[in-house]
PDB file of N, CA and C in Angstrom:
ATOM      1  N   MET A   1     -11.667  12.153  13.179  1.00  0.00           N
ATOM      2  CA  MET A   1     -10.444  12.748  13.693  1.00  0.00           C
ATOM      3  C   MET A   1      -9.544  11.630  14.185  1.00  0.00           C
ATOM      4  N   SER A   2      -8.289  11.715  13.919  1.00  0.00           N
ATOM      5  CA  SER A   2      -7.380  10.660  14.324  1.00  0.00           C
ATOM      6  C   SER A   2      -6.985  10.822  15.777  1.00  0.00           C
ATOM      7  N   SER A   3      -6.597   9.709  16.399  1.00  0.00           N
ATOM      8  CA  SER A   3      -6.225   9.754  17.799  1.00  0.00           C
ATOM      9  C   SER A   3      -4.806  10.250  17.999  1.00  0.00           C
ATOM     10  N   THR A   4      -3.942  10.071  17.010  1.00  0.00           N
ATOM     11  CA  THR A   4      -2.585  10.612  17.075  1.00  0.00           C
ATOM     12  C   THR A   4      -2.294  11.295  15.757  1.00  0.00           C
ATOM     13  N   THR A   5      -1.385  12.235  15.791  1.00  0.00           N
ATOM     14  CA  THR A   5      -1.052  12.981  14.588  1.00  0.00           C
ATOM     15  C   THR A   5       0.449  13.021  14.432  1.00  0.00           C
ATOM     16  N   PRO A   6       0.963  12.755  13.229  1.00  0.00           N
ATOM     17  CA  PRO A   6       2.398  12.886  13.014  1.00  0.00           C
ATOM     18  C   PRO A   6       2.839  14.315  13.298  1.00  0.00           C
ATOM     19  N   THR A   7       4.092  14.479  13.730  1.00  0.00           N
ATOM     20  CA  THR A   7       4.586  15.797  14.098  1.00  0.00           C
ATOM     21  C   THR A   7       4.883  16.670  12.897  1.00  0.00           C
ATOM     22  N   SER A   8       5.054  16.063  11.714  1.00  0.00           N
ATOM     23  CA  SER A   8       5.285  16.857  10.508  1.00  0.00           C
ATOM     24  C   SER A   8       4.832  16.057   9.309  1.00  0.00           C
ATOM     25  N   GLU A   9       4.798  16.720   8.156  1.00  0.00           N
ATOM     26  CA  GLU A   9       4.394  16.037   6.921  1.00  0.00           C
ATOM     27  C   GLU A   9       5.303  14.866   6.595  1.00  0.00           C
ATOM     28  N   THR A  10       6.573  14.959   6.944  1.00  0.00           N
ATOM     29  CA  THR A  10       7.509  13.897   6.597  1.00  0.00           C
ATOM     30  C   THR A  10       7.633  12.851   7.689  1.00  0.00           C
ATOM     31  N   ASP A  11       7.019  13.061   8.836  1.00  0.00           N
ATOM     32  CA  ASP A  11       7.079  12.092   9.922  1.00  0.00           C
ATOM     33  C   ASP A  11       6.065  10.994   9.643  1.00  0.00           C
ATOM     34  N   ASP A  12       6.538   9.836   9.240  1.00  0.00           N
ATOM     35  CA  ASP A  12       5.621   8.748   8.929  1.00  0.00           C
ATOM     36  C   ASP A  12       5.679   7.655   9.983  1.00  0.00           C
ATOM     37  N   SER A  13       6.181   7.961  11.170  1.00  0.00           N
ATOM     38  CA  SER A  13       6.367   6.945  12.189  1.00  0.00           C
ATOM     39  C   SER A  13       5.120   6.684  13.012  1.00  0.00           C
ATOM     40  N   THR A  14       4.118   7.536  12.922  1.00  0.00           N
ATOM     41  CA  THR A  14       2.929   7.392  13.745  1.00  0.00           C
ATOM     42  C   THR A  14       1.787   6.801  12.939  1.00  0.00           C
ATOM     43  N   THR A  15       1.214   5.732  13.444  1.00  0.00           N
ATOM     44  CA  THR A  15       0.042   5.146  12.810  1.00  0.00           C
ATOM     45  C   THR A  15      -1.182   5.715  13.501  1.00  0.00           C
ATOM     46  N   THR A  16      -2.082   6.283  12.746  1.00  0.00           N
ATOM     47  CA  THR A  16      -3.276   6.883  13.322  1.00  0.00           C
ATOM     48  C   THR A  16      -4.432   5.905  13.277  1.00  0.00           C
ATOM     49  N   SER A  17      -5.425   6.159  14.114  1.00  0.00           N
ATOM     50  CA  SER A  17      -6.606   5.312  14.086  1.00  0.00           C
ATOM     51  C   SER A  17      -7.338   5.461  12.755  1.00  0.00           C
ATOM     52  N   ASP A  18      -7.240   6.642  12.131  1.00  0.00           N
ATOM     53  CA  ASP A  18      -7.844   6.821  10.811  1.00  0.00           C
ATOM     54  C   ASP A  18      -7.190   5.893   9.791  1.00  0.00           C
ATOM     55  N   ASP A  19      -5.861   5.762   9.858  1.00  0.00           N
ATOM     56  CA  ASP A  19      -5.162   4.861   8.946  1.00  0.00           C
ATOM     57  C   ASP A  19      -5.628   3.430   9.157  1.00  0.00           C
ATOM     58  N   ALA A  20      -5.743   3.013  10.401  1.00  0.00           N
ATOM     59  CA  ALA A  20      -6.163   1.642  10.694  1.00  0.00           C
ATOM     60  C   ALA A  20      -7.585   1.388  10.206  1.00  0.00           C
ATOM     61  N   ARG A  21      -8.459   2.399  10.300  1.00  0.00           N
ATOM     62  CA  ARG A  21      -9.836   2.224   9.846  1.00  0.00           C
ATOM     63  C   ARG A  21      -9.931   2.114   8.334  1.00  0.00           C
ATOM     64  N   THR A  22      -8.937   2.576   7.599  1.00  0.00           N
ATOM     65  CA  THR A  22      -9.017   2.516   6.146  1.00  0.00           C
ATOM     66  C   THR A  22      -8.751   1.109   5.614  1.00  0.00           C
ATOM     67  N   LEU A  23      -8.160   0.238   6.413  1.00  0.00           N
ATOM     68  CA  LEU A  23      -7.802  -1.094   5.922  1.00  0.00           C
ATOM     69  C   LEU A  23      -8.993  -1.871   5.359  1.00  0.00           C
ATOM     70  N   PRO A  24     -10.112  -1.951   6.060  1.00  0.00           N
ATOM     71  CA  PRO A  24     -11.233  -2.715   5.503  1.00  0.00           C
ATOM     72  C   PRO A  24     -11.806  -2.103   4.231  1.00  0.00           C
ATOM     73  N   GLU A  25     -11.539  -0.817   3.996  1.00  0.00           N
ATOM     74  CA  GLU A  25     -12.067  -0.150   2.806  1.00  0.00           C
ATOM     75  C   GLU A  25     -11.303  -0.535   1.548  1.00  0.00           C
ATOM     76  N   HIS A  26     -10.177  -1.190   1.704  1.00  0.00           N
ATOM     77  CA  HIS A  26      -9.346  -1.538   0.557  1.00  0.00           C
ATOM     78  C   HIS A  26      -9.420  -3.026   0.276  1.00  0.00           C
ATOM     79  N   THR A  27      -9.338  -3.343  -0.990  1.00  0.00           N
ATOM     80  CA  THR A  27      -9.348  -4.741  -1.381  1.00  0.00           C
ATOM     81  C   THR A  27      -7.973  -5.344  -1.115  1.00  0.00           C
ATOM     82  N   GLU A  28      -7.927  -6.649  -1.097  1.00  0.00           N
ATOM     83  CA  GLU A  28      -6.646  -7.339  -0.946  1.00  0.00           C
ATOM     84  C   GLU A  28      -5.703  -6.935  -2.079  1.00  0.00           C
ATOM     85  N   PHE A  29      -6.240  -6.786  -3.275  1.00  0.00           N
ATOM     86  CA  PHE A  29      -5.428  -6.372  -4.421  1.00  0.00           C
ATOM     87  C   PHE A  29      -4.810  -4.994  -4.185  1.00  0.00           C
ATOM     88  N   GLN A  30      -5.585  -4.060  -3.645  1.00  0.00           N
ATOM     89  CA  GLN A  30      -5.054  -2.725  -3.370  1.00  0.00           C
ATOM     90  C   GLN A  30      -3.965  -2.777  -2.304  1.00  0.00           C
ATOM     91  N   ARG A  31      -4.138  -3.620  -1.295  1.00  0.00           N
ATOM     92  CA  ARG A  31      -3.077  -3.780  -0.285  1.00  0.00           C
ATOM     93  C   ARG A  31      -1.839  -4.402  -0.921  1.00  0.00           C
ATOM     94  N   ASP A  32      -2.023  -5.337  -1.841  1.00  0.00           N
ATOM     95  CA  ASP A  32      -0.885  -5.932  -2.549  1.00  0.00           C
ATOM     96  C   ASP A  32      -0.179  -4.895  -3.421  1.00  0.00           C
ATOM     97  N   LEU A  33      -0.941  -3.989  -4.005  1.00  0.00           N
ATOM     98  CA  LEU A  33      -0.330  -2.904  -4.781  1.00  0.00           C
ATOM     99  C   LEU A  33       0.557  -2.039  -3.894  1.00  0.00           C
ATOM    100  N   LEU A  34       0.077  -1.711  -2.705  1.00  0.00           N
ATOM    101  CA  LEU A  34       0.881  -0.912  -1.778  1.00  0.00           C
ATOM    102  C   LEU A  34       2.192  -1.617  -1.434  1.00  0.00           C
ATOM    103  N   VAL A  35       2.103  -2.906  -1.171  1.00  0.00           N
ATOM    104  CA  VAL A  35       3.308  -3.675  -0.832  1.00  0.00           C
ATOM    105  C   VAL A  35       4.259  -3.727  -2.021  1.00  0.00           C
ATOM    106  N   ALA A  36       3.730  -3.929  -3.214  1.00  0.00           N
ATOM    107  CA  ALA A  36       4.571  -3.974  -4.418  1.00  0.00           C
ATOM    108  C   ALA A  36       5.298  -2.642  -4.611  1.00  0.00           C
ATOM    109  N   ILE A  37       4.585  -1.546  -4.451  1.00  0.00           N
ATOM    110  CA  ILE A  37       5.194  -0.225  -4.610  1.00  0.00           C
ATOM    111  C   ILE A  37       6.266  -0.016  -3.540  1.00  0.00           C
ATOM    112  N   ALA A  38       5.977  -0.437  -2.321  1.00  0.00           N
ATOM    113  CA  ALA A  38       6.962  -0.299  -1.242  1.00  0.00           C
ATOM    114  C   ALA A  38       8.218  -1.107  -1.550  1.00  0.00           C
ATOM    115  N   ASP A  39       8.039  -2.297  -2.058  1.00  0.00           N
ATOM    116  CA  ASP A  39       9.176  -3.170  -2.336  1.00  0.00           C
ATOM    117  C   ASP A  39       9.993  -2.696  -3.536  1.00  0.00           C
ATOM    118  N   LEU A  40       9.314  -2.151  -4.536  1.00  0.00           N
ATOM    119  CA  LEU A  40       9.991  -1.750  -5.772  1.00  0.00           C
ATOM    120  C   LEU A  40      10.551  -0.323  -5.733  1.00  0.00           C
ATOM    121  N   GLY A  41      10.127   0.484  -4.800  1.00  0.00           N
ATOM    122  CA  GLY A  41      10.612   1.875  -4.745  1.00  0.00           C
ATOM    123  C   GLY A  41       9.632   2.828  -5.397  1.00  0.00           C
ATOM    124  N   ALA A  42       9.945   3.293  -6.579  1.00  0.00           N
ATOM    125  CA  ALA A  42       9.059   4.191  -7.341  1.00  0.00           C
ATOM    126  C   ALA A  42       8.872   3.600  -8.732  1.00  0.00           C
ATOM    127  N   PRO A  43       8.144   2.477  -8.807  1.00  0.00           N
ATOM    128  CA  PRO A  43       8.045   1.754 -10.076  1.00  0.00           C
ATOM    129  C   PRO A  43       7.072   2.370 -11.067  1.00  0.00           C
ATOM    130  N   LYS A  44       7.244   1.981 -12.314  1.00  0.00           N
ATOM    131  CA  LYS A  44       6.267   2.269 -13.361  1.00  0.00           C
ATOM    132  C   LYS A  44       5.140   1.247 -13.212  1.00  0.00           C
ATOM    133  N   GLY A  45       4.017   1.538 -13.823  1.00  0.00           N
ATOM    134  CA  GLY A  45       2.886   0.620 -13.768  1.00  0.00           C
ATOM    135  C   GLY A  45       3.231  -0.759 -14.292  1.00  0.00           C
ATOM    136  N   LEU A  46       4.000  -0.830 -15.365  1.00  0.00           N
ATOM    137  CA  LEU A  46       4.374  -2.122 -15.943  1.00  0.00           C
ATOM    138  C   LEU A  46       5.206  -2.946 -14.971  1.00  0.00           C
ATOM    139  N   ALA A  47       6.096  -2.312 -14.213  1.00  0.00           N
ATOM    140  CA  ALA A  47       6.901  -3.034 -13.228  1.00  0.00           C
ATOM    141  C   ALA A  47       6.018  -3.589 -12.111  1.00  0.00           C
ATOM    142  N   ILE A  48       5.010  -2.827 -11.709  1.00  0.00           N
ATOM    143  CA  ILE A  48       4.072  -3.305 -10.687  1.00  0.00           C
ATOM    144  C   ILE A  48       3.311  -4.507 -11.224  1.00  0.00           C
ATOM    145  N   LYS A  49       2.856  -4.411 -12.459  1.00  0.00           N
ATOM    146  CA  LYS A  49       2.127  -5.508 -13.103  1.00  0.00           C
ATOM    147  C   LYS A  49       2.987  -6.765 -13.134  1.00  0.00           C
ATOM    148  N   GLU A  50       4.232  -6.649 -13.549  1.00  0.00           N
ATOM    149  CA  GLU A  50       5.132  -7.797 -13.620  1.00  0.00           C
ATOM    150  C   GLU A  50       5.398  -8.385 -12.236  1.00  0.00           C
ATOM    151  N   TYR A  51       5.514  -7.538 -11.242  1.00  0.00           N
ATOM    152  CA  TYR A  51       5.759  -7.964  -9.864  1.00  0.00           C
ATOM    153  C   TYR A  51       4.615  -8.839  -9.350  1.00  0.00           C
ATOM    154  N   LEU A  52       3.385  -8.456  -9.691  1.00  0.00           N
ATOM    155  CA  LEU A  52       2.209  -9.144  -9.147  1.00  0.00           C
ATOM    156  C   LEU A  52       1.672 -10.275 -10.024  1.00  0.00           C
ATOM    157  N   GLU A  53       2.155 -10.387 -11.253  1.00  0.00           N
ATOM    158  CA  GLU A  53       1.598 -11.381 -12.181  1.00  0.00           C
ATOM    159  C   GLU A  53       1.696 -12.816 -11.663  1.00  0.00           C
ATOM    160  N   ALA A  54       2.715 -13.140 -10.922  1.00  0.00           N
ATOM    161  CA  ALA A  54       2.855 -14.506 -10.404  1.00  0.00           C
ATOM    162  C   ALA A  54       1.749 -14.842  -9.405  1.00  0.00           C
ATOM    163  N   ASP A  55       1.213 -13.819  -8.727  1.00  0.00           N
ATOM    164  CA  ASP A  55       0.191 -14.045  -7.710  1.00  0.00           C
ATOM    165  C   ASP A  55      -1.237 -13.907  -8.218  1.00  0.00           C
ATOM    166  N   TYR A  56      -1.408 -13.333  -9.404  1.00  0.00           N
ATOM    167  CA  TYR A  56      -2.736 -13.106  -9.959  1.00  0.00           C
ATOM    168  C   TYR A  56      -2.802 -13.715 -11.353  1.00  0.00           C
ATOM    169  N   ASP A  57      -3.779 -14.591 -11.563  1.00  0.00           N
ATOM    170  CA  ASP A  57      -3.912 -15.273 -12.845  1.00  0.00           C
ATOM    171  C   ASP A  57      -4.025 -14.298 -14.008  1.00  0.00           C
ATOM    172  N   GLU A  58      -4.899 -13.341 -13.859  1.00  0.00           N
ATOM    173  CA  GLU A  58      -5.112 -12.386 -14.943  1.00  0.00           C
ATOM    174  C   GLU A  58      -5.011 -10.974 -14.390  1.00  0.00           C
ATOM    175  N   LEU A  59      -3.979 -10.283 -14.785  1.00  0.00           N
ATOM    176  CA  LEU A  59      -3.766  -8.923 -14.318  1.00  0.00           C
ATOM    177  C   LEU A  59      -3.598  -8.027 -15.536  1.00  0.00           C
ATOM    178  N   ASN A  60      -4.701  -7.364 -15.875  1.00  0.00           N
ATOM    179  CA  ASN A  60      -4.661  -6.512 -17.064  1.00  0.00           C
ATOM    180  C   ASN A  60      -4.773  -5.044 -16.684  1.00  0.00           C
ATOM    181  N   HIS A  61      -4.615  -4.180 -17.683  1.00  0.00           N
ATOM    182  CA  HIS A  61      -4.640  -2.735 -17.448  1.00  0.00           C
ATOM    183  C   HIS A  61      -5.957  -2.278 -16.824  1.00  0.00           C
ATOM    184  N   SER A  62      -7.051  -2.920 -17.204  1.00  0.00           N
ATOM    185  CA  SER A  62      -8.357  -2.479 -16.698  1.00  0.00           C
ATOM    186  C   SER A  62      -8.536  -2.798 -15.210  1.00  0.00           C
ATOM    187  N   ARG A  63      -7.702  -3.640 -14.667  1.00  0.00           N
ATOM    188  CA  ARG A  63      -7.728  -3.908 -13.226  1.00  0.00           C
ATOM    189  C   ARG A  63      -6.648  -3.098 -12.508  1.00  0.00           C
ATOM    190  N   LEU A  64      -5.469  -3.044 -13.084  1.00  0.00           N
ATOM    191  CA  LEU A  64      -4.323  -2.410 -12.442  1.00  0.00           C
ATOM    192  C   LEU A  64      -4.505  -0.904 -12.267  1.00  0.00           C
ATOM    193  N   TYR A  65      -4.714  -0.194 -13.354  1.00  0.00           N
ATOM    194  CA  TYR A  65      -4.685   1.268 -13.298  1.00  0.00           C
ATOM    195  C   TYR A  65      -5.859   1.894 -12.550  1.00  0.00           C
ATOM    196  N   PRO A  66      -7.074   1.384 -12.650  1.00  0.00           N
ATOM    197  CA  PRO A  66      -8.146   1.964 -11.815  1.00  0.00           C
ATOM    198  C   PRO A  66      -7.864   1.789 -10.315  1.00  0.00           C
ATOM    199  N   ASN A  67      -7.274   0.659  -9.938  1.00  0.00           N
ATOM    200  CA  ASN A  67      -6.946   0.455  -8.525  1.00  0.00           C
ATOM    201  C   ASN A  67      -5.802   1.350  -8.080  1.00  0.00           C
ATOM    202  N   LEU A  68      -4.813   1.557  -8.937  1.00  0.00           N
ATOM    203  CA  LEU A  68      -3.757   2.513  -8.615  1.00  0.00           C
ATOM    204  C   LEU A  68      -4.347   3.916  -8.446  1.00  0.00           C
ATOM    205  N   ASP A  69      -5.290   4.274  -9.317  1.00  0.00           N
ATOM    206  CA  ASP A  69      -5.923   5.588  -9.222  1.00  0.00           C
ATOM    207  C   ASP A  69      -6.673   5.764  -7.903  1.00  0.00           C
ATOM    208  N   VAL A  70      -7.323   4.706  -7.411  1.00  0.00           N
ATOM    209  CA  VAL A  70      -7.999   4.767  -6.109  1.00  0.00           C
ATOM    210  C   VAL A  70      -6.990   5.075  -5.004  1.00  0.00           C
ATOM    211  N   LEU A  71      -5.844   4.391  -5.049  1.00  0.00           N
ATOM    212  CA  LEU A  71      -4.815   4.617  -4.027  1.00  0.00           C
ATOM    213  C   LEU A  71      -4.244   6.029  -4.112  1.00  0.00           C
ATOM    214  N   VAL A  72      -4.138   6.557  -5.320  1.00  0.00           N
ATOM    215  CA  VAL A  72      -3.684   7.943  -5.507  1.00  0.00           C
ATOM    216  C   VAL A  72      -4.730   8.900  -4.936  1.00  0.00           C
ATOM    217  N   GLU A  73      -5.996   8.686  -5.283  1.00  0.00           N
ATOM    218  CA  GLU A  73      -7.082   9.553  -4.810  1.00  0.00           C
ATOM    219  C   GLU A  73      -7.177   9.575  -3.294  1.00  0.00           C
ATOM    220  N   ARG A  74      -6.893   8.449  -2.651  1.00  0.00           N
ATOM    221  CA  ARG A  74      -6.987   8.359  -1.188  1.00  0.00           C
ATOM    222  C   ARG A  74      -5.713   8.817  -0.481  1.00  0.00           C
ATOM    223  N   GLY A  75      -4.715   9.204  -1.263  1.00  0.00           N
ATOM    224  CA  GLY A  75      -3.509   9.771  -0.674  1.00  0.00           C
ATOM    225  C   GLY A  75      -2.474   8.770  -0.202  1.00  0.00           C
ATOM    226  N   PHE A  76      -2.591   7.522  -0.621  1.00  0.00           N
ATOM    227  CA  PHE A  76      -1.633   6.498  -0.211  1.00  0.00           C
ATOM    228  C   PHE A  76      -0.450   6.395  -1.171  1.00  0.00           C
ATOM    229  N   VAL A  77      -0.667   6.851  -2.389  1.00  0.00           N
ATOM    230  CA  VAL A  77       0.344   6.748  -3.438  1.00  0.00           C
ATOM    231  C   VAL A  77       0.397   8.073  -4.191  1.00  0.00           C
ATOM    232  N   ALA A  78       1.614   8.487  -4.534  1.00  0.00           N
ATOM    233  CA  ALA A  78       1.807   9.666  -5.389  1.00  0.00           C
ATOM    234  C   ALA A  78       2.110   9.179  -6.802  1.00  0.00           C
ATOM    235  N   LYS A  79       1.462   9.783  -7.760  1.00  0.00           N
ATOM    236  CA  LYS A  79       1.652   9.429  -9.162  1.00  0.00           C
ATOM    237  C   LYS A  79       2.437  10.550  -9.832  1.00  0.00           C
ATOM    238  N   ARG A  80       3.539  10.183 -10.464  1.00  0.00           N
ATOM    239  CA  ARG A  80       4.387  11.177 -11.112  1.00  0.00           C
ATOM    240  C   ARG A  80       4.571  10.812 -12.583  1.00  0.00           C
ATOM    241  N   GLU A  81       4.471  11.814 -13.424  1.00  0.00           N
ATOM    242  CA  GLU A  81       4.649  11.586 -14.865  1.00  0.00           C
ATOM    243  C   GLU A  81       6.139  11.498 -15.180  1.00  0.00           C
ATOM    244  N   LYS A  82       6.544  10.366 -15.792  1.00  0.00           N
ATOM    245  CA  LYS A  82       7.942  10.199 -16.210  1.00  0.00           C
ATOM    246  C   LYS A  82       8.130  10.726 -17.628  1.00  0.00           C
ATOM    247  N   ASP A  83       7.160  10.441 -18.475  1.00  0.00           N
ATOM    248  CA  ASP A  83       7.108  10.983 -19.831  1.00  0.00           C
ATOM    249  C   ASP A  83       5.642  10.961 -20.249  1.00  0.00           C
ATOM    250  N   ARG A  84       5.344  11.260 -21.480  1.00  0.00           N
ATOM    251  CA  ARG A  84       3.940  11.380 -21.902  1.00  0.00           C
ATOM    252  C   ARG A  84       3.136  10.098 -21.741  1.00  0.00           C
ATOM    253  N   ARG A  85       3.807   8.962 -21.763  1.00  0.00           N
ATOM    254  CA  ARG A  85       3.091   7.685 -21.708  1.00  0.00           C
ATOM    255  C   ARG A  85       3.322   6.902 -20.424  1.00  0.00           C
ATOM    256  N   THR A  86       4.252   7.340 -19.593  1.00  0.00           N
ATOM    257  CA  THR A  86       4.657   6.536 -18.442  1.00  0.00           C
ATOM    258  C   THR A  86       4.561   7.326 -17.143  1.00  0.00           C
ATOM    259  N   ASN A  87       3.981   6.689 -16.135  1.00  0.00           N
ATOM    260  CA  ASN A  87       3.922   7.267 -14.792  1.00  0.00           C
ATOM    261  C   ASN A  87       4.695   6.374 -13.841  1.00  0.00           C
ATOM    262  N   SER A  88       5.198   6.969 -12.782  1.00  0.00           N
ATOM    263  CA  SER A  88       5.768   6.179 -11.698  1.00  0.00           C
ATOM    264  C   SER A  88       4.873   6.382 -10.477  1.00  0.00           C
ATOM    265  N   TYR A  89       4.949   5.434  -9.562  1.00  0.00           N
ATOM    266  CA  TYR A  89       4.103   5.438  -8.374  1.00  0.00           C
ATOM    267  C   TYR A  89       4.995   5.298  -7.154  1.00  0.00           C
ATOM    268  N   GLU A  90       4.730   6.125  -6.149  1.00  0.00           N
ATOM    269  CA  GLU A  90       5.548   6.105  -4.947  1.00  0.00           C
ATOM    270  C   GLU A  90       4.646   6.201  -3.722  1.00  0.00           C
ATOM    271  N   LEU A  91       4.981   5.445  -2.685  1.00  0.00           N
ATOM    272  CA  LEU A  91       4.207   5.526  -1.453  1.00  0.00           C
ATOM    273  C   LEU A  91       4.339   6.907  -0.835  1.00  0.00           C
ATOM    274  N   THR A  92       3.249   7.395  -0.285  1.00  0.00           N
ATOM    275  CA  THR A  92       3.274   8.611   0.510  1.00  0.00           C
ATOM    276  C   THR A  92       3.489   8.204   1.966  1.00  0.00           C
ATOM    277  N   ASP A  93       3.670   9.176   2.825  1.00  0.00           N
ATOM    278  CA  ASP A  93       3.774   8.874   4.254  1.00  0.00           C
ATOM    279  C   ASP A  93       2.526   8.135   4.729  1.00  0.00           C
ATOM    280  N   ARG A  94       1.384   8.562   4.249  1.00  0.00           N
ATOM    281  CA  ARG A  94       0.131   7.906   4.644  1.00  0.00           C
ATOM    282  C   ARG A  94       0.102   6.459   4.154  1.00  0.00           C
ATOM    283  N   GLY A  95       0.604   6.207   2.962  1.00  0.00           N
ATOM    284  CA  GLY A  95       0.670   4.842   2.449  1.00  0.00           C
ATOM    285  C   GLY A  95       1.553   3.959   3.307  1.00  0.00           C
ATOM    286  N   ARG A  96       2.684   4.493   3.759  1.00  0.00           N
ATOM    287  CA  ARG A  96       3.565   3.731   4.648  1.00  0.00           C
ATOM    288  C   ARG A  96       2.877   3.445   5.975  1.00  0.00           C
ATOM    289  N   ARG A  97       2.133   4.426   6.487  1.00  0.00           N
ATOM    290  CA  ARG A  97       1.411   4.199   7.750  1.00  0.00           C
ATOM    291  C   ARG A  97       0.354   3.110   7.591  1.00  0.00           C
ATOM    292  N   VAL A  98      -0.309   3.083   6.451  1.00  0.00           N
ATOM    293  CA  VAL A  98      -1.340   2.069   6.229  1.00  0.00           C
ATOM    294  C   VAL A  98      -0.715   0.672   6.159  1.00  0.00           C
ATOM    295  N   ILE A  99       0.443   0.562   5.528  1.00  0.00           N
ATOM    296  CA  ILE A  99       1.125  -0.732   5.501  1.00  0.00           C
ATOM    297  C   ILE A  99       1.472  -1.168   6.923  1.00  0.00           C
ATOM    298  N   ARG A 100       1.977  -0.234   7.726  1.00  0.00           N
ATOM    299  CA  ARG A 100       2.299  -0.565   9.126  1.00  0.00           C
ATOM    300  C   ARG A 100       1.038  -0.959   9.902  1.00  0.00           C
ATOM    301  N   ALA A 101      -0.044  -0.233   9.682  1.00  0.00           N
ATOM    302  CA  ALA A 101      -1.298  -0.543  10.374  1.00  0.00           C
ATOM    303  C   ALA A 101      -1.803  -1.920   9.966  1.00  0.00           C
ATOM    304  N   ASN A 102      -1.660  -2.264   8.701  1.00  0.00           N
ATOM    305  CA  ASN A 102      -2.086  -3.585   8.232  1.00  0.00           C
ATOM    306  C   ASN A 102      -1.241  -4.683   8.881  1.00  0.00           C
ATOM    307  N   GLU A 103       0.056  -4.449   8.979  1.00  0.00           N
ATOM    308  CA  GLU A 103       0.949  -5.399   9.631  1.00  0.00           C
ATOM    309  C   GLU A 103       0.565  -5.594  11.099  1.00  0.00           C
ATOM    310  N   ALA A 104       0.300  -4.500  11.791  1.00  0.00           N
ATOM    311  CA  ALA A 104      -0.101  -4.581  13.200  1.00  0.00           C
ATOM    312  C   ALA A 104      -1.431  -5.311  13.345  1.00  0.00           C
ATOM    313  N   TRP A 105      -2.362  -5.026  12.451  1.00  0.00           N
ATOM    314  CA  TRP A 105      -3.674  -5.681  12.471  1.00  0.00           C
ATOM    315  C   TRP A 105      -3.502  -7.186  12.301  1.00  0.00           C
ATOM    316  N   ASN A 106      -2.656  -7.592  11.342  1.00  0.00           N
ATOM    317  CA  ASN A 106      -2.400  -9.023  11.128  1.00  0.00           C
ATOM    318  C   ASN A 106      -1.730  -9.655  12.343  1.00  0.00           C
ATOM    319  N   ARG A 107      -0.751  -8.972  12.917  1.00  0.00           N
ATOM    320  CA  ARG A 107      -0.043  -9.499  14.086  1.00  0.00           C
ATOM    321  C   ARG A 107      -0.994  -9.709  15.256  1.00  0.00           C
ATOM    322  N   GLN A 108      -1.941  -8.798  15.458  1.00  0.00           N
ATOM    323  CA  GLN A 108      -2.899  -8.925  16.558  1.00  0.00           C
ATOM    324  C   GLN A 108      -3.761 -10.169  16.392  1.00  0.00           C
ATOM    325  N   ARG A 109      -4.105 -10.484  15.170  1.00  0.00           N
ATOM    326  CA  ARG A 109      -5.037 -11.570  14.923  1.00  0.00           C
ATOM    327  C   ARG A 109      -4.374 -12.930  14.730  1.00  0.00           C
ATOM    328  N   VAL A 110      -3.202 -12.960  14.125  1.00  0.00           N
ATOM    329  CA  VAL A 110      -2.571 -14.264  13.842  1.00  0.00           C
ATOM    330  C   VAL A 110      -1.129 -14.336  14.323  1.00  0.00           C
ATOM    331  N   GLY A 111      -0.725 -13.389  15.131  1.00  0.00           N
ATOM    332  CA  GLY A 111       0.640 -13.386  15.649  1.00  0.00           C
ATOM    333  C   GLY A 111       0.977 -14.650  16.401  1.00  0.00           C
ATOM    334  N   HIS A 112      -0.007 -15.220  17.085  1.00  0.00           N
ATOM    335  CA  HIS A 112       0.238 -16.461  17.822  1.00  0.00           C
ATOM    336  C   HIS A 112       0.648 -17.599  16.895  1.00  0.00           C
ATOM    337  N   LEU A 113       0.171 -17.603  15.680  1.00  0.00           N
ATOM    338  CA  LEU A 113       0.579 -18.636  14.716  1.00  0.00           C
ATOM    339  C   LEU A 113       2.032 -18.490  14.337  1.00  0.00           C
ATOM    340  N   LEU A 114       2.482 -17.267  14.182  1.00  0.00           N
ATOM    341  CA  LEU A 114       3.866 -17.002  13.829  1.00  0.00           C
ATOM    342  C   LEU A 114       4.790 -17.377  14.983  1.00  0.00           C
ATOM    343  N   GLU A 115       4.384 -17.094  16.213  1.00  0.00           N
ATOM    344  CA  GLU A 115       5.180 -17.431  17.383  1.00  0.00           C
ATOM    345  C   GLU A 115       5.321 -18.941  17.517  1.00  0.00           C
ATOM    346  N   ASP A 116       4.234 -19.684  17.246  1.00  0.00           N
ATOM    347  CA  ASP A 116       4.271 -21.143  17.338  1.00  0.00           C
ATOM    348  C   ASP A 116       5.281 -21.749  16.366  1.00  0.00           C
ATOM    349  N   GLU A 117       5.465 -21.137  15.201  1.00  0.00           N
ATOM    350  CA  GLU A 117       6.392 -21.670  14.201  1.00  0.00           C
ATOM    351  C   GLU A 117       7.839 -21.551  14.639  1.00  0.00           C
ATOM    352  N   HIS A 118       8.141 -20.577  15.494  1.00  0.00           N
ATOM    353  CA  HIS A 118       9.504 -20.331  15.922  1.00  0.00           C
ATOM    354  C   HIS A 118       9.908 -21.162  17.125  1.00  0.00           C
ATOM    355  N   GLU A 119       8.981 -21.883  17.711  1.00  0.00           N
ATOM    356  CA  GLU A 119       9.286 -22.690  18.899  1.00  0.00           C
ATOM    357  C   GLU A 119       9.725 -24.082  18.532  1.00  0.00           C
TER     358      GLU A 119
END
């Protein structure tokens, strides 16, 4: 059970403890997929692949689409059919909360490094 609950389905401003606990369950690649989708809007799979190719030596369909499917199954991403061969992917409210929880988790652990750079 989460410690806080959003006030409505569209209220994505509250990060729950359940969202924060899901972070270790995801691979770095899956977190990168969430960020790519957030940055691109509602991209097609090919656009996500192109976005991440600079950071990953080998990014093929057998890695990309099963990981996208995991994020869809866990409710972080909505998959919509654009045509018979193409899907688009969009963050859900829960996906946005997980990105925020990941950011907060990183800030708690290495925020002091970021502060030192600004001095």
